[in-house]
Structures are given as C-alpha cells and as structure tokens.
Amino acid sequence: MGKLKVIFHVNETEQWSTALGNIINLLRDVGEGAADIVVLANGASVAAYAYSEKVDTMEMLSEKGVRFLACRNSLKKMCAEGAVCINEEALPPFITIVPAGITEIIRKQHEGYAYVKP
C-alpha cells in the first residue's frame, strides 16, 4: 500500500482540537512521510488560522508535511458580515488559500483522499 491520503474538513471552530489531535495520532501510528495529509478550513473555522493558540501546533504539523488550506469564500463572507476580517497576507505562511473549500474537498475525494470530518 502506498501513502495514505486524507483530507480533514474543519468548518466548526470548536473542532480544531479534535482535528489536530486526530492528525497527531495518525502521524504517530503510520509515521511521518507515510501519509499525505491536507486540512481544509471553511466557514467560521478559518479564523483559527489567525486568532488561535493552536497556530503553533498547526505550524509544527506543517513542518511535518501537513498542508493547511483556507477557503477564500469563507474569509470574504466573514468580513462582509462584519464578523472577523482576515487579510490573506496576514495569515501564517504555511496556509494556502483556495478559491472554494467545497470544490477542494470534491477534488481531493476524486483524487482518492479519504474524507475525515472531526
């Protein structure tokens, strides 16, 4: 069997601890380099990329190869609604912006990624 491929979908802020714990446990179980892990945040959960104590854990995981994605539509919607305005340039450098989170999830599933929603 080749590398495991998994996309974690976080769209609820309160699920970040569970998602990051799941990823840490997965890496402990299969070993670093044995899994291609992507984390897609959309909805209100994208705010955690800028305003969370979990950013240090995310950065540590990114150094282990975990890729973190943020939905541009969610960033724009939150700002338009007067919630939180996050400038894309202010996000940590390990965050990649994708145009639409839902489209990215569909693409990854089409590419054979397992879908996990903590």
Protein backbone atom coordinates (compact mmCIF):
# COMPACT_ATOMS: atom_id res chain seq x y z
CA MET A 1 0.00 0.00 0.00
CA GLY A 2 1.26 3.47 -0.86
CA LYS A 3 0.90 6.66 1.12
CA LEU A 4 -2.37 7.20 2.88
CA LYS A 5 -4.21 10.22 1.50
CA VAL A 6 -6.61 12.07 3.79
CA ILE A 7 -8.36 15.41 3.87
CA PHE A 8 -9.58 16.70 7.22
CA HIS A 9 -12.51 19.10 6.90
CA VAL A 10 -12.86 21.62 9.73
CA ASN A 11 -15.79 24.00 9.46
CA GLU A 12 -16.56 24.44 13.16
CA THR A 13 -14.11 26.32 15.36
CA GLU A 14 -14.69 24.01 18.31
CA GLN A 15 -13.49 21.01 16.24
CA TRP A 16 -9.90 22.24 15.85
CA SER A 17 -8.62 20.42 18.96
CA THR A 18 -10.13 17.15 17.79
CA ALA A 19 -8.82 17.57 14.24
CA LEU A 20 -5.28 18.38 15.35
CA GLY A 21 -5.34 15.50 17.84
CA ASN A 22 -6.50 13.13 15.09
CA ILE A 23 -3.65 14.26 12.84
CA ILE A 24 -1.03 13.88 15.58
CA ASN A 25 -2.33 10.38 16.36
CA LEU A 26 -2.37 9.44 12.67
CA LEU A 27 1.25 10.53 12.24
CA ARG A 28 2.28 8.60 15.37
CA ASP A 29 0.55 5.49 14.07
CA VAL A 30 1.73 5.44 10.45
CA GLY A 31 4.92 7.51 10.78
CA GLU A 32 5.91 10.79 9.24
CA GLY A 33 6.04 10.62 5.47
CA ALA A 34 3.57 7.73 5.28
CA ALA A 35 0.53 9.95 4.83
CA ASP A 36 -0.40 12.86 2.59
CA ILE A 37 -2.49 14.98 4.96
CA VAL A 38 -4.49 18.05 3.97
CA VAL A 39 -6.58 20.17 6.34
CA LEU A 40 -9.29 22.30 4.74
CA ALA A 41 -10.88 25.01 6.88
CA ASN A 42 -14.01 26.81 5.78
CA GLY A 43 -16.83 28.64 7.47
CA ALA A 44 -16.04 30.26 10.81
CA SER A 45 -13.16 27.85 11.45
CA VAL A 46 -10.84 29.80 9.12
CA ALA A 47 -10.49 32.42 11.88
CA ALA A 48 -8.37 29.93 13.85
CA TYR A 49 -5.58 30.39 11.32
CA ALA A 50 -5.13 33.97 12.52
CA TYR A 51 -6.61 34.09 16.02
CA SER A 52 -5.87 30.85 17.80
CA GLU A 53 -3.44 29.40 20.28
CA LYS A 54 -3.46 26.34 18.01
CA VAL A 55 -1.42 28.08 15.30
CA ASP A 56 1.81 26.80 16.91
CA THR A 57 0.56 23.21 16.65
CA MET A 58 -0.53 23.81 13.06
CA GLU A 59 2.89 25.20 12.19
CA MET A 60 4.62 22.21 13.81
CA LEU A 61 2.42 19.86 11.78
CA SER A 62 3.09 21.82 8.60
CA GLU A 63 6.80 21.23 9.19
CA LYS A 64 5.97 17.51 9.17
CA GLY A 65 4.32 17.86 5.76
CA VAL A 66 0.69 18.52 6.71
CA ARG A 67 -0.86 21.07 4.34
CA PHE A 68 -3.34 23.63 5.66
CA LEU A 69 -5.87 25.25 3.32
CA ALA A 70 -8.28 28.13 3.88
CA CYS A 71 -11.40 28.85 1.86
CA ARG A 72 -11.27 32.32 0.27
CA ASN A 73 -15.07 32.44 0.07
CA SER A 74 -15.30 31.94 3.83
CA LEU A 75 -12.72 34.65 4.51
CA LYS A 76 -14.65 37.10 2.32
CA LYS A 77 -18.04 36.16 3.77
CA MET A 78 -16.91 36.59 7.37
CA CYS A 79 -15.55 40.04 6.57
CA ALA A 80 -18.65 41.08 4.61
CA GLU A 81 -20.87 40.02 7.50
CA GLY A 82 -18.81 42.12 9.90
CA ALA A 83 -17.57 39.10 11.82
CA VAL A 84 -13.79 38.92 11.51
CA CYS A 85 -11.81 40.40 8.64
CA ILE A 86 -8.66 38.42 7.99
CA ASN A 87 -6.30 39.82 5.41
CA GLU A 88 -4.92 36.92 3.39
CA GLU A 89 -1.41 38.37 3.63
CA ALA A 90 -1.70 38.32 7.44
CA LEU A 91 -2.22 34.57 7.56
CA PRO A 92 0.76 32.43 8.56
CA PRO A 93 2.92 31.48 5.57
CA PHE A 94 2.06 27.78 5.84
CA ILE A 95 -1.60 28.47 4.97
CA THR A 96 -2.63 28.11 1.33
CA ILE A 97 -5.76 29.91 0.13
CA VAL A 98 -8.13 28.00 -2.16
CA PRO A 99 -10.98 29.73 -4.01
CA ALA A 100 -13.77 27.48 -2.70
CA GLY A 101 -13.41 24.95 0.10
CA ILE A 102 -16.19 22.71 -1.12
CA THR A 103 -14.59 22.43 -4.56
CA GLU A 104 -11.27 21.48 -2.97
CA ILE A 105 -12.93 18.74 -0.92
CA ILE A 106 -14.55 17.31 -4.05
CA ARG A 107 -11.24 17.43 -5.95
CA LYS A 108 -9.39 15.66 -3.17
CA GLN A 109 -12.04 12.94 -2.92
CA HIS A 110 -11.85 12.49 -6.69
CA GLU A 111 -8.07 12.07 -6.28
CA GLY A 112 -8.65 9.27 -3.77
CA TYR A 113 -8.31 11.14 -0.48
CA ALA A 114 -10.25 9.78 2.48
CA TYR A 115 -12.60 12.39 3.92
CA VAL A 116 -12.50 12.95 7.68
CA LYS A 117 -14.74 15.43 9.46
CA PRO A 118 -13.88 15.56 13.15
